[in-house]
């Protein structure tokens, strides 16, 4: 199955990323700096970008690019630090996904609102659906952790918006806009796999939906 093969491939890449970072994190990372501290930095950067762009109308390219890149670096590190130091927590996982949205939204809105309104709206709607799925998870006291499709979506968004900021205020190439549309597919897959997990735990009550989900899983168990 293509989707399962893609999932396995992406999980291997993520594992190799962690193993590489662990070479530096496990022996050298200062233990007083916990993963959530790194995530708080990303939240601060996202809020600062929002204030600079929409309240003070500051459009200094180097400043905005540097702040966003700093936020991206924190996203690269916090999860690996948590796993490398065995400090993974449910609160940290929820904080991480919230920080991702706070970082991405100001740049997405500023760069896409005029030329690509439908793309911006679709990105926002998918994030709202992801947030609703996350809250439902929490309401059922299920441990919440980003799946590989959600992580891949965030990586794609970070890369594309860095590229957009490099050419900003000029319009980005069609390639990067297409990449954003592709990232929406990964958002959908992230939500779909959350639904599968909920079904496996017995939280899906609609009989027709349960039947179709079970049929899907049974079909792909045999591939």
N, C-alpha and C. Protein backbone atom coordinates (compact mmCIF):
# COMPACT_ATOMS: atom_id res chain seq x y z
N UNK A 1 0.84 -1.19 0.00
CA UNK A 1 0.00 0.00 0.00
C UNK A 1 0.88 1.25 0.00
N UNK A 2 0.63 2.17 -0.90
CA UNK A 2 1.49 3.34 -1.06
C UNK A 2 1.52 4.18 0.21
N UNK A 3 0.35 4.40 0.83
CA UNK A 3 0.31 5.27 2.02
C UNK A 3 1.10 4.64 3.16
N UNK A 4 0.93 3.34 3.38
CA UNK A 4 1.68 2.68 4.45
C UNK A 4 3.17 2.66 4.17
N UNK A 5 3.53 2.45 2.91
CA UNK A 5 4.96 2.49 2.54
C UNK A 5 5.53 3.88 2.78
N UNK A 6 4.75 4.91 2.42
CA UNK A 6 5.19 6.28 2.65
C UNK A 6 5.34 6.54 4.14
N UNK A 7 4.39 6.06 4.93
CA UNK A 7 4.44 6.24 6.39
C UNK A 7 5.70 5.60 6.97
N UNK A 8 5.98 4.38 6.55
CA UNK A 8 7.17 3.68 7.05
C UNK A 8 8.45 4.40 6.64
N UNK A 9 8.48 4.89 5.41
CA UNK A 9 9.67 5.60 4.91
C UNK A 9 9.90 6.88 5.71
N UNK A 10 8.83 7.64 5.94
CA UNK A 10 8.95 8.90 6.67
C UNK A 10 9.35 8.65 8.13
N UNK A 11 8.82 7.59 8.71
CA UNK A 11 9.18 7.26 10.09
C UNK A 11 10.65 6.88 10.20
N UNK A 12 11.18 6.20 9.19
CA UNK A 12 12.60 5.87 9.19
C UNK A 12 13.45 7.13 9.10
N UNK A 13 13.05 8.06 8.24
CA UNK A 13 13.79 9.33 8.12
C UNK A 13 13.77 10.08 9.45
N UNK A 14 12.61 10.10 10.10
CA UNK A 14 12.49 10.80 11.38
C UNK A 14 13.36 10.13 12.44
N UNK A 15 13.42 8.81 12.39
CA UNK A 15 14.26 8.07 13.33
C UNK A 15 15.74 8.39 13.11
N UNK A 16 16.16 8.44 11.85
CA UNK A 16 17.56 8.77 11.55
C UNK A 16 17.88 10.20 12.00
N UNK A 17 16.92 11.11 11.83
CA UNK A 17 17.11 12.48 12.29
C UNK A 17 17.37 12.51 13.79
N UNK A 18 16.53 11.76 14.53
CA UNK A 18 16.69 11.70 15.98
C UNK A 18 18.05 11.11 16.35
N UNK A 19 18.41 10.01 15.71
CA UNK A 19 19.68 9.34 16.04
C UNK A 19 20.86 10.28 15.82
N UNK A 20 20.81 11.08 14.75
CA UNK A 20 21.88 12.03 14.48
C UNK A 20 21.94 13.10 15.58
N UNK A 21 20.78 13.66 15.93
CA UNK A 21 20.75 14.70 16.95
C UNK A 21 21.11 14.16 18.33
N UNK A 22 20.77 12.89 18.58
CA UNK A 22 21.10 12.29 19.88
C UNK A 22 22.61 12.28 20.13
N UNK A 23 23.41 12.22 19.05
CA UNK A 23 24.86 12.22 19.21
C UNK A 23 25.34 13.47 19.93
N UNK A 24 24.59 14.57 19.78
CA UNK A 24 24.95 15.83 20.43
C UNK A 24 24.10 16.07 21.68
N UNK A 25 22.84 15.66 21.61
CA UNK A 25 21.92 15.96 22.71
C UNK A 25 22.25 15.16 23.97
N UNK A 26 22.40 13.86 23.83
CA UNK A 26 22.57 13.01 25.02
C UNK A 26 23.81 13.37 25.84
N UNK A 27 24.96 13.61 25.22
CA UNK A 27 26.13 13.94 26.05
C UNK A 27 26.28 15.41 26.39
N UNK A 28 25.76 16.32 25.55
CA UNK A 28 26.12 17.72 25.70
C UNK A 28 24.97 18.66 26.07
N UNK A 29 23.73 18.20 25.95
CA UNK A 29 22.62 19.13 26.17
C UNK A 29 22.54 19.53 27.64
N UNK A 30 22.47 20.85 27.94
CA UNK A 30 22.35 21.29 29.35
C UNK A 30 21.03 20.85 29.95
N UNK A 31 21.09 20.08 31.03
CA UNK A 31 19.89 19.46 31.60
C UNK A 31 18.92 20.48 32.20
N UNK A 32 19.40 21.69 32.48
CA UNK A 32 18.51 22.70 33.03
C UNK A 32 17.54 23.24 31.97
N UNK A 33 17.89 23.08 30.70
CA UNK A 33 17.01 23.52 29.61
C UNK A 33 16.16 22.35 29.18
N UNK A 34 14.91 22.34 29.61
CA UNK A 34 14.01 21.23 29.28
C UNK A 34 13.35 21.50 27.92
N UNK A 35 12.80 20.45 27.29
CA UNK A 35 12.18 20.62 25.96
C UNK A 35 11.12 21.72 25.90
N UNK A 36 10.31 21.84 26.96
CA UNK A 36 9.26 22.86 26.94
C UNK A 36 9.83 24.27 26.89
N UNK A 37 11.01 24.47 27.45
CA UNK A 37 11.65 25.79 27.35
C UNK A 37 11.89 26.15 25.89
N UNK A 38 12.32 25.17 25.10
CA UNK A 38 12.57 25.41 23.68
C UNK A 38 11.26 25.74 22.97
N UNK A 39 10.21 25.04 23.33
CA UNK A 39 8.90 25.27 22.72
C UNK A 39 8.37 26.65 23.08
N UNK A 40 8.60 27.08 24.32
CA UNK A 40 8.18 28.43 24.72
C UNK A 40 8.85 29.50 23.86
N UNK A 41 10.10 29.25 23.48
CA UNK A 41 10.80 30.19 22.60
C UNK A 41 10.06 30.30 21.27
N UNK A 42 9.60 29.17 20.73
CA UNK A 42 8.87 29.19 19.46
C UNK A 42 7.56 29.96 19.59
N UNK A 43 6.87 29.80 20.70
CA UNK A 43 5.63 30.55 20.93
C UNK A 43 5.93 32.05 20.99
N UNK A 44 6.99 32.40 21.70
CA UNK A 44 7.37 33.81 21.80
C UNK A 44 7.70 34.38 20.42
N UNK A 45 8.45 33.61 19.62
CA UNK A 45 8.82 34.07 18.28
C UNK A 45 7.58 34.27 17.42
N UNK A 46 6.64 33.32 17.47
CA UNK A 46 5.42 33.44 16.67
C UNK A 46 4.60 34.66 17.06
N UNK A 47 4.47 34.90 18.36
CA UNK A 47 3.72 36.07 18.82
C UNK A 47 4.43 37.36 18.45
N UNK A 48 5.76 37.34 18.54
CA UNK A 48 6.53 38.52 18.17
C UNK A 48 6.38 38.82 16.69
N UNK A 49 6.40 37.79 15.85
CA UNK A 49 6.19 37.99 14.41
C UNK A 49 4.82 38.60 14.15
N UNK A 50 3.82 38.11 14.86
CA UNK A 50 2.47 38.64 14.69
C UNK A 50 2.42 40.13 15.03
N UNK A 51 3.02 40.49 16.16
CA UNK A 51 3.01 41.89 16.59
C UNK A 51 3.80 42.76 15.61
N UNK A 52 4.97 42.31 15.20
CA UNK A 52 5.80 43.10 14.29
C UNK A 52 5.11 43.33 12.94
N UNK A 53 4.49 42.26 12.41
CA UNK A 53 3.91 42.35 11.07
C UNK A 53 2.57 43.10 11.05
N UNK A 54 1.73 42.87 12.06
CA UNK A 54 0.36 43.37 11.97
C UNK A 54 0.07 44.58 12.85
N UNK A 55 0.90 44.82 13.86
CA UNK A 55 0.68 45.99 14.72
C UNK A 55 1.65 47.12 14.41
N UNK A 56 2.92 46.74 14.24
CA UNK A 56 3.94 47.76 13.97
C UNK A 56 4.29 47.88 12.48
N UNK A 57 3.73 46.98 11.67
CA UNK A 57 3.96 47.02 10.23
C UNK A 57 5.46 47.00 9.88
N UNK A 58 6.23 46.29 10.67
CA UNK A 58 7.66 46.16 10.42
C UNK A 58 7.89 45.05 9.41
N UNK A 59 8.51 45.36 8.29
CA UNK A 59 8.71 44.39 7.22
C UNK A 59 10.19 44.21 6.88
N UNK A 60 11.05 44.44 7.88
CA UNK A 60 12.48 44.25 7.66
C UNK A 60 12.75 42.79 7.33
N UNK A 61 13.22 42.54 6.13
CA UNK A 61 13.36 41.18 5.62
C UNK A 61 14.30 40.34 6.48
N UNK A 62 15.45 40.90 6.83
CA UNK A 62 16.43 40.15 7.61
C UNK A 62 15.88 39.82 8.99
N UNK A 63 15.19 40.77 9.61
CA UNK A 63 14.63 40.54 10.95
C UNK A 63 13.56 39.45 10.92
N UNK A 64 12.61 39.56 10.01
CA UNK A 64 11.52 38.58 9.93
C UNK A 64 12.06 37.20 9.58
N UNK A 65 12.97 37.14 8.62
CA UNK A 65 13.57 35.86 8.22
C UNK A 65 14.32 35.23 9.38
N UNK A 66 15.10 36.03 10.11
CA UNK A 66 15.91 35.51 11.22
C UNK A 66 15.02 34.98 12.34
N UNK A 67 13.96 35.71 12.67
CA UNK A 67 13.05 35.25 13.72
C UNK A 67 12.35 33.96 13.33
N UNK A 68 11.87 33.90 12.10
CA UNK A 68 11.17 32.69 11.67
C UNK A 68 12.12 31.50 11.65
N UNK A 69 13.34 31.71 11.18
CA UNK A 69 14.33 30.62 11.14
C UNK A 69 14.65 30.13 12.55
N UNK A 70 14.74 31.06 13.50
CA UNK A 70 14.94 30.67 14.90
C UNK A 70 13.80 29.79 15.38
N UNK A 71 12.57 30.17 15.03
CA UNK A 71 11.42 29.34 15.40
C UNK A 71 11.49 27.96 14.79
N UNK A 72 11.92 27.87 13.54
CA UNK A 72 12.05 26.57 12.87
C UNK A 72 13.09 25.70 13.57
N UNK A 73 14.20 26.30 13.99
CA UNK A 73 15.25 25.55 14.67
C UNK A 73 14.72 24.96 15.98
N UNK A 74 13.90 25.74 16.70
CA UNK A 74 13.34 25.21 17.94
C UNK A 74 12.42 24.02 17.66
N UNK A 75 11.71 24.06 16.54
CA UNK A 75 10.84 22.94 16.17
C UNK A 75 11.66 21.70 15.84
N UNK A 76 12.83 21.91 15.26
CA UNK A 76 13.72 20.79 14.95
C UNK A 76 14.24 20.14 16.22
N UNK A 77 14.43 20.94 17.28
CA UNK A 77 15.13 20.45 18.46
C UNK A 77 14.23 19.89 19.57
N UNK A 78 13.09 20.56 19.83
CA UNK A 78 12.39 20.24 21.07
C UNK A 78 11.94 18.79 21.18
N UNK A 79 11.41 18.23 20.08
CA UNK A 79 10.97 16.84 20.12
C UNK A 79 12.13 15.89 20.31
N UNK A 80 13.23 16.13 19.61
CA UNK A 80 14.41 15.26 19.73
C UNK A 80 15.03 15.35 21.12
N UNK A 81 15.06 16.56 21.68
CA UNK A 81 15.57 16.72 23.04
C UNK A 81 14.70 15.95 24.02
N UNK A 82 13.38 16.04 23.85
CA UNK A 82 12.46 15.32 24.74
C UNK A 82 12.69 13.81 24.66
N UNK A 83 12.83 13.30 23.44
CA UNK A 83 13.04 11.86 23.29
C UNK A 83 14.44 11.45 23.74
N UNK A 84 15.43 12.28 23.44
CA UNK A 84 16.81 11.94 23.81
C UNK A 84 17.04 11.95 25.30
N UNK A 85 16.33 12.81 26.04
CA UNK A 85 16.49 12.91 27.49
C UNK A 85 15.38 12.20 28.25
N UNK A 86 14.52 11.47 27.52
CA UNK A 86 13.39 10.76 28.13
C UNK A 86 12.49 11.72 28.93
N UNK A 87 12.18 12.85 28.31
CA UNK A 87 11.32 13.85 28.94
C UNK A 87 10.07 14.11 28.10
N UNK A 88 9.58 13.09 27.42
CA UNK A 88 8.37 13.23 26.61
C UNK A 88 7.16 13.26 27.53
N UNK A 89 6.33 14.28 27.39
CA UNK A 89 5.11 14.40 28.20
C UNK A 89 3.93 14.75 27.30
N UNK A 90 2.73 14.47 27.79
CA UNK A 90 1.53 14.81 27.03
C UNK A 90 1.39 16.32 26.90
N UNK A 91 1.70 17.04 27.98
CA UNK A 91 1.63 18.50 27.92
C UNK A 91 2.61 19.04 26.89
N UNK A 92 3.80 18.46 26.85
CA UNK A 92 4.81 18.89 25.88
C UNK A 92 4.35 18.66 24.45
N UNK A 93 3.68 17.53 24.21
CA UNK A 93 3.20 17.23 22.86
C UNK A 93 2.11 18.23 22.45
N UNK A 94 1.21 18.55 23.37
CA UNK A 94 0.15 19.52 23.06
C UNK A 94 0.75 20.92 22.85
N UNK A 95 1.71 21.27 23.70
CA UNK A 95 2.36 22.58 23.59
C UNK A 95 3.08 22.70 22.26
N UNK A 96 3.70 21.61 21.82
CA UNK A 96 4.47 21.61 20.57
C UNK A 96 3.57 21.92 19.37
N UNK A 97 2.43 21.24 19.28
CA UNK A 97 1.54 21.47 18.14
C UNK A 97 0.94 22.88 18.17
N UNK A 98 0.66 23.38 19.37
CA UNK A 98 0.16 24.75 19.50
C UNK A 98 1.22 25.76 19.06
N UNK A 99 2.46 25.52 19.48
CA UNK A 99 3.56 26.41 19.11
C UNK A 99 3.79 26.41 17.60
N UNK A 100 3.62 25.26 16.96
CA UNK A 100 3.77 25.18 15.50
C UNK A 100 2.80 26.13 14.81
N UNK A 101 1.54 26.10 15.25
CA UNK A 101 0.52 26.94 14.62
C UNK A 101 0.79 28.42 14.88
N UNK A 102 1.23 28.74 16.09
CA UNK A 102 1.51 30.14 16.42
C UNK A 102 2.66 30.66 15.57
N UNK A 103 3.63 29.82 15.28
CA UNK A 103 4.77 30.23 14.46
C UNK A 103 4.37 30.40 13.00
N UNK A 104 3.58 29.47 12.46
CA UNK A 104 3.27 29.46 11.03
C UNK A 104 2.22 30.50 10.64
N UNK A 105 1.21 30.69 11.47
CA UNK A 105 0.07 31.52 11.08
C UNK A 105 0.44 32.95 10.67
N UNK A 106 1.29 33.67 11.42
CA UNK A 106 1.58 35.06 11.00
C UNK A 106 2.22 35.14 9.61
N UNK A 107 3.18 34.25 9.34
CA UNK A 107 3.86 34.26 8.04
C UNK A 107 2.91 33.81 6.94
N UNK A 108 2.10 32.79 7.22
CA UNK A 108 1.15 32.30 6.23
C UNK A 108 0.15 33.39 5.86
N UNK A 109 -0.41 34.03 6.86
CA UNK A 109 -1.41 35.07 6.60
C UNK A 109 -0.80 36.24 5.83
N UNK A 110 0.38 36.67 6.26
CA UNK A 110 1.01 37.83 5.66
C UNK A 110 1.40 37.59 4.20
N UNK A 111 1.89 36.38 3.91
CA UNK A 111 2.42 36.11 2.57
C UNK A 111 1.37 35.58 1.60
N UNK A 112 0.25 35.03 2.12
CA UNK A 112 -0.72 34.37 1.24
C UNK A 112 -2.06 35.09 1.14
N UNK A 113 -2.34 36.01 2.06
CA UNK A 113 -3.69 36.57 2.12
C UNK A 113 -4.11 37.23 0.80
N UNK A 114 -3.25 38.03 0.22
CA UNK A 114 -3.63 38.72 -1.01
C UNK A 114 -3.57 37.84 -2.25
N UNK A 115 -2.45 37.13 -2.49
CA UNK A 115 -2.35 36.38 -3.75
C UNK A 115 -2.99 35.00 -3.73
N UNK A 116 -3.15 34.39 -2.54
CA UNK A 116 -3.61 32.99 -2.50
C UNK A 116 -4.59 32.80 -1.34
N UNK A 117 -5.70 33.47 -1.40
CA UNK A 117 -6.69 33.43 -0.31
C UNK A 117 -7.25 32.03 -0.08
N UNK A 118 -7.54 31.31 -1.18
CA UNK A 118 -8.13 29.97 -1.04
C UNK A 118 -7.14 29.00 -0.41
N UNK A 119 -5.90 29.12 -0.78
CA UNK A 119 -4.86 28.28 -0.18
C UNK A 119 -4.75 28.58 1.32
N UNK A 120 -4.72 29.86 1.66
CA UNK A 120 -4.64 30.25 3.07
C UNK A 120 -5.83 29.72 3.85
N UNK A 121 -7.03 29.87 3.29
CA UNK A 121 -8.24 29.40 3.96
C UNK A 121 -8.19 27.89 4.17
N UNK A 122 -7.73 27.16 3.17
CA UNK A 122 -7.65 25.70 3.28
C UNK A 122 -6.64 25.28 4.35
N UNK A 123 -5.49 25.95 4.38
CA UNK A 123 -4.49 25.67 5.41
C UNK A 123 -5.08 25.90 6.80
N UNK A 124 -5.79 27.00 6.98
CA UNK A 124 -6.39 27.30 8.27
C UNK A 124 -7.45 26.27 8.66
N UNK A 125 -8.30 25.90 7.70
CA UNK A 125 -9.35 24.92 8.00
C UNK A 125 -8.77 23.57 8.41
N UNK A 126 -7.70 23.15 7.73
CA UNK A 126 -7.07 21.88 8.08
C UNK A 126 -6.46 21.94 9.48
N UNK A 127 -5.90 23.09 9.84
CA UNK A 127 -5.34 23.23 11.18
C UNK A 127 -6.44 23.23 12.23
N UNK A 128 -7.59 23.82 11.90
CA UNK A 128 -8.72 23.79 12.82
C UNK A 128 -9.19 22.36 13.03
N UNK A 129 -9.28 21.59 11.95
CA UNK A 129 -9.69 20.18 12.06
C UNK A 129 -8.69 19.38 12.89
N UNK A 130 -7.40 19.66 12.69
CA UNK A 130 -6.38 18.99 13.50
C UNK A 130 -6.53 19.34 14.97
N UNK A 131 -6.82 20.62 15.24
CA UNK A 131 -6.98 21.06 16.63
C UNK A 131 -8.20 20.39 17.27
N UNK A 132 -9.28 20.27 16.50
CA UNK A 132 -10.49 19.61 17.01
C UNK A 132 -10.20 18.15 17.32
N UNK A 133 -9.47 17.48 16.42
CA UNK A 133 -9.09 16.08 16.65
C UNK A 133 -8.24 15.96 17.91
N UNK A 134 -7.34 16.91 18.11
CA UNK A 134 -6.48 16.89 19.29
C UNK A 134 -7.29 17.06 20.57
N UNK A 135 -8.26 17.98 20.54
CA UNK A 135 -9.10 18.20 21.72
C UNK A 135 -9.96 16.97 22.02
N UNK A 136 -10.42 16.29 20.96
CA UNK A 136 -11.20 15.08 21.16
C UNK A 136 -10.33 14.00 21.81
N UNK A 137 -9.09 13.88 21.34
CA UNK A 137 -8.14 12.96 21.96
C UNK A 137 -8.03 13.24 23.45
N UNK A 138 -7.83 14.53 23.76
CA UNK A 138 -7.65 14.92 25.16
C UNK A 138 -8.88 14.60 25.98
N UNK A 139 -10.07 14.81 25.42
CA UNK A 139 -11.31 14.56 26.14
C UNK A 139 -11.47 13.08 26.48
N UNK A 140 -10.84 12.21 25.69
CA UNK A 140 -10.91 10.76 25.93
C UNK A 140 -9.70 10.27 26.72
N UNK A 141 -8.87 11.21 27.19
CA UNK A 141 -7.68 10.89 27.98
C UNK A 141 -6.75 9.95 27.23
N UNK A 142 -6.63 10.21 25.92
CA UNK A 142 -5.69 9.44 25.10
C UNK A 142 -4.40 10.22 25.01
N UNK A 143 -3.27 9.52 25.17
CA UNK A 143 -1.98 10.21 25.06
C UNK A 143 -1.83 10.79 23.65
N UNK A 144 -1.50 12.06 23.60
CA UNK A 144 -1.45 12.79 22.33
C UNK A 144 -0.01 12.94 21.88
N UNK A 145 0.28 12.49 20.68
CA UNK A 145 1.61 12.68 20.11
C UNK A 145 1.46 12.87 18.61
N UNK A 146 2.27 13.75 18.05
CA UNK A 146 2.18 14.01 16.61
C UNK A 146 2.53 12.75 15.84
N UNK A 147 1.71 12.43 14.82
CA UNK A 147 2.09 11.31 13.98
C UNK A 147 3.00 11.80 12.87
N UNK A 148 3.53 10.86 12.11
CA UNK A 148 4.57 11.21 11.14
C UNK A 148 4.04 12.11 10.04
N UNK A 149 2.77 12.00 9.70
CA UNK A 149 2.22 12.87 8.65
C UNK A 149 2.10 14.32 9.14
N UNK A 150 1.74 14.48 10.41
CA UNK A 150 1.71 15.82 10.97
C UNK A 150 3.09 16.44 11.03
N UNK A 151 4.08 15.64 11.39
CA UNK A 151 5.46 16.13 11.44
C UNK A 151 5.94 16.52 10.05
N UNK A 152 5.63 15.68 9.07
CA UNK A 152 6.05 15.96 7.68
C UNK A 152 5.41 17.23 7.16
N UNK A 153 4.13 17.41 7.48
CA UNK A 153 3.44 18.64 7.08
C UNK A 153 4.16 19.86 7.63
N UNK A 154 4.55 19.81 8.90
CA UNK A 154 5.22 20.95 9.53
C UNK A 154 6.57 21.21 8.88
N UNK A 155 7.30 20.16 8.56
CA UNK A 155 8.60 20.33 7.89
C UNK A 155 8.41 21.01 6.54
N UNK A 156 7.41 20.56 5.80
CA UNK A 156 7.14 21.16 4.49
C UNK A 156 6.78 22.64 4.62
N UNK A 157 5.91 22.95 5.59
CA UNK A 157 5.52 24.34 5.78
C UNK A 157 6.72 25.21 6.14
N UNK A 158 7.58 24.70 7.01
CA UNK A 158 8.76 25.47 7.41
C UNK A 158 9.68 25.74 6.23
N UNK A 159 9.94 24.70 5.43
CA UNK A 159 10.82 24.86 4.28
C UNK A 159 10.24 25.85 3.28
N UNK A 160 8.95 25.71 3.00
CA UNK A 160 8.32 26.58 2.00
C UNK A 160 8.29 28.03 2.48
N UNK A 161 7.96 28.27 3.74
CA UNK A 161 7.88 29.65 4.20
C UNK A 161 9.26 30.28 4.35
N UNK A 162 10.28 29.48 4.62
CA UNK A 162 11.65 30.01 4.59
C UNK A 162 11.98 30.46 3.17
N UNK A 163 11.61 29.63 2.19
CA UNK A 163 11.86 29.98 0.79
C UNK A 163 11.07 31.23 0.40
N UNK A 164 9.84 31.33 0.86
CA UNK A 164 9.02 32.51 0.56
C UNK A 164 9.64 33.77 1.15
N UNK A 165 10.18 33.65 2.37
CA UNK A 165 10.78 34.82 3.01
C UNK A 165 12.09 35.23 2.33
N UNK A 166 12.77 34.27 1.72
CA UNK A 166 14.01 34.59 1.01
C UNK A 166 13.73 35.52 -0.17
N UNK A 167 12.65 35.24 -0.91
CA UNK A 167 12.34 36.07 -2.09
C UNK A 167 11.39 37.22 -1.75
N UNK A 168 10.84 37.21 -0.57
CA UNK A 168 9.89 38.22 -0.12
C UNK A 168 10.52 39.61 -0.20
N UNK A 169 9.83 40.65 -0.68
CA UNK A 169 8.39 40.74 -0.96
C UNK A 169 7.98 40.31 -2.37
N UNK A 170 8.91 39.73 -3.14
CA UNK A 170 8.53 39.22 -4.46
C UNK A 170 7.66 37.97 -4.29
N UNK A 171 6.86 37.68 -5.28
CA UNK A 171 5.96 36.51 -5.23
C UNK A 171 6.76 35.22 -5.30
N UNK A 172 6.39 34.21 -4.52
CA UNK A 172 7.08 32.92 -4.59
C UNK A 172 6.77 32.19 -5.88
N UNK A 173 7.62 31.25 -6.23
CA UNK A 173 7.41 30.49 -7.46
C UNK A 173 6.22 29.55 -7.30
N UNK A 174 5.69 29.10 -8.41
CA UNK A 174 4.55 28.18 -8.40
C UNK A 174 4.90 26.88 -7.68
N UNK A 175 6.16 26.47 -7.77
CA UNK A 175 6.61 25.24 -7.11
C UNK A 175 6.31 25.28 -5.61
N UNK A 176 6.62 26.39 -4.96
CA UNK A 176 6.42 26.48 -3.52
C UNK A 176 4.94 26.55 -3.16
N UNK A 177 4.16 27.18 -4.01
CA UNK A 177 2.71 27.19 -3.77
C UNK A 177 2.16 25.76 -3.90
N UNK A 178 2.63 25.02 -4.88
CA UNK A 178 2.22 23.62 -5.03
C UNK A 178 2.62 22.80 -3.81
N UNK A 179 3.78 23.09 -3.26
CA UNK A 179 4.23 22.38 -2.06
C UNK A 179 3.28 22.62 -0.88
N UNK A 180 2.76 23.82 -0.80
CA UNK A 180 1.79 24.12 0.27
C UNK A 180 0.51 23.32 0.07
N UNK A 181 0.05 23.21 -1.17
CA UNK A 181 -1.13 22.38 -1.44
C UNK A 181 -0.85 20.92 -1.08
N UNK A 182 0.35 20.44 -1.38
CA UNK A 182 0.70 19.06 -1.03
C UNK A 182 0.72 18.87 0.48
N UNK A 183 1.17 19.90 1.21
CA UNK A 183 1.20 19.79 2.67
C UNK A 183 -0.20 19.56 3.24
N UNK A 184 -1.21 20.06 2.54
CA UNK A 184 -2.60 19.86 2.98
C UNK A 184 -2.97 18.38 2.91
N UNK A 185 -2.42 17.68 1.92
CA UNK A 185 -2.65 16.24 1.83
C UNK A 185 -2.10 15.54 3.06
N UNK A 186 -0.92 15.96 3.52
CA UNK A 186 -0.34 15.36 4.72
C UNK A 186 -1.16 15.70 5.96
N UNK A 187 -1.76 16.89 5.98
CA UNK A 187 -2.67 17.24 7.08
C UNK A 187 -3.86 16.29 7.11
N UNK A 188 -4.41 16.04 5.93
CA UNK A 188 -5.54 15.11 5.83
C UNK A 188 -5.14 13.70 6.30
N UNK A 189 -3.97 13.24 5.87
CA UNK A 189 -3.51 11.91 6.28
C UNK A 189 -3.29 11.85 7.79
N UNK A 190 -2.80 12.94 8.37
CA UNK A 190 -2.61 12.99 9.81
C UNK A 190 -3.94 12.81 10.53
N UNK A 191 -4.97 13.52 10.07
CA UNK A 191 -6.30 13.40 10.67
C UNK A 191 -6.87 12.00 10.47
N UNK A 192 -6.68 11.46 9.25
CA UNK A 192 -7.21 10.13 8.94
C UNK A 192 -6.62 9.07 9.88
N UNK A 193 -5.31 9.15 10.12
CA UNK A 193 -4.68 8.15 10.99
C UNK A 193 -5.10 8.34 12.44
N UNK A 194 -5.42 9.57 12.84
CA UNK A 194 -5.97 9.77 14.17
C UNK A 194 -7.34 9.09 14.30
N UNK A 195 -8.13 9.20 13.24
CA UNK A 195 -9.45 8.55 13.24
C UNK A 195 -9.29 7.03 13.33
N UNK A 196 -8.31 6.49 12.61
CA UNK A 196 -8.06 5.05 12.70
C UNK A 196 -7.69 4.65 14.13
N UNK A 197 -6.86 5.44 14.79
CA UNK A 197 -6.48 5.15 16.17
C UNK A 197 -7.69 5.20 17.10
N UNK A 198 -8.54 6.19 16.90
CA UNK A 198 -9.75 6.29 17.71
C UNK A 198 -10.65 5.09 17.49
N UNK A 199 -10.75 4.65 16.25
CA UNK A 199 -11.57 3.47 15.94
C UNK A 199 -11.01 2.22 16.63
N UNK A 200 -9.69 2.08 16.62
CA UNK A 200 -9.07 0.92 17.27
C UNK A 200 -9.31 0.90 18.77
N UNK A 201 -9.48 2.09 19.35
CA UNK A 201 -9.73 2.18 20.79
C UNK A 201 -11.22 2.17 21.12
N UNK A 202 -12.06 2.07 20.08
CA UNK A 202 -13.49 1.94 20.30
C UNK A 202 -14.24 3.23 20.53
N UNK A 203 -13.67 4.36 20.11
CA UNK A 203 -14.31 5.65 20.35
C UNK A 203 -15.15 6.12 19.17
N UNK A 204 -15.11 5.42 18.05
CA UNK A 204 -15.96 5.76 16.92
C UNK A 204 -17.26 4.95 17.05
N UNK A 205 -18.38 5.65 17.11
CA UNK A 205 -19.65 4.99 17.38
C UNK A 205 -20.52 4.81 16.14
N UNK A 206 -20.24 5.56 15.09
CA UNK A 206 -21.04 5.45 13.87
C UNK A 206 -20.76 4.10 13.21
N UNK A 207 -21.79 3.27 13.08
CA UNK A 207 -21.61 1.90 12.61
C UNK A 207 -21.10 1.84 11.17
N UNK A 208 -21.61 2.74 10.33
CA UNK A 208 -21.17 2.74 8.93
C UNK A 208 -19.70 3.12 8.84
N UNK A 209 -19.30 4.16 9.59
CA UNK A 209 -17.90 4.59 9.58
C UNK A 209 -16.99 3.52 10.15
N UNK A 210 -17.42 2.89 11.24
CA UNK A 210 -16.62 1.81 11.84
C UNK A 210 -16.43 0.67 10.85
N UNK A 211 -17.49 0.33 10.15
CA UNK A 211 -17.41 -0.75 9.17
C UNK A 211 -16.41 -0.43 8.07
N UNK A 212 -16.44 0.78 7.57
CA UNK A 212 -15.53 1.17 6.50
C UNK A 212 -14.08 1.24 7.00
N UNK A 213 -13.89 1.74 8.21
CA UNK A 213 -12.54 1.82 8.77
C UNK A 213 -11.96 0.44 9.01
N UNK A 214 -12.80 -0.46 9.53
CA UNK A 214 -12.34 -1.84 9.76
C UNK A 214 -12.02 -2.53 8.44
N UNK A 215 -12.84 -2.26 7.43
CA UNK A 215 -12.60 -2.83 6.11
C UNK A 215 -11.26 -2.33 5.54
N UNK A 216 -11.00 -1.03 5.74
CA UNK A 216 -9.74 -0.45 5.26
C UNK A 216 -8.56 -1.12 5.93
N UNK A 217 -8.63 -1.25 7.28
CA UNK A 217 -7.49 -1.81 8.00
C UNK A 217 -7.29 -3.28 7.67
N UNK A 218 -8.39 -4.02 7.57
CA UNK A 218 -8.28 -5.44 7.24
C UNK A 218 -7.68 -5.63 5.86
N UNK A 219 -8.07 -4.79 4.93
CA UNK A 219 -7.56 -4.88 3.56
C UNK A 219 -6.06 -4.67 3.51
N UNK A 220 -5.57 -3.69 4.29
CA UNK A 220 -4.16 -3.33 4.20
C UNK A 220 -3.28 -4.12 5.16
N UNK A 221 -3.91 -4.87 6.07
CA UNK A 221 -3.12 -5.80 6.88
C UNK A 221 -2.60 -6.94 6.03
N UNK A 222 -3.33 -7.24 4.97
CA UNK A 222 -2.97 -8.40 4.12
C UNK A 222 -2.07 -8.03 2.96
N UNK A 223 -1.68 -6.74 2.87
CA UNK A 223 -0.84 -6.30 1.74
C UNK A 223 0.62 -6.39 2.12
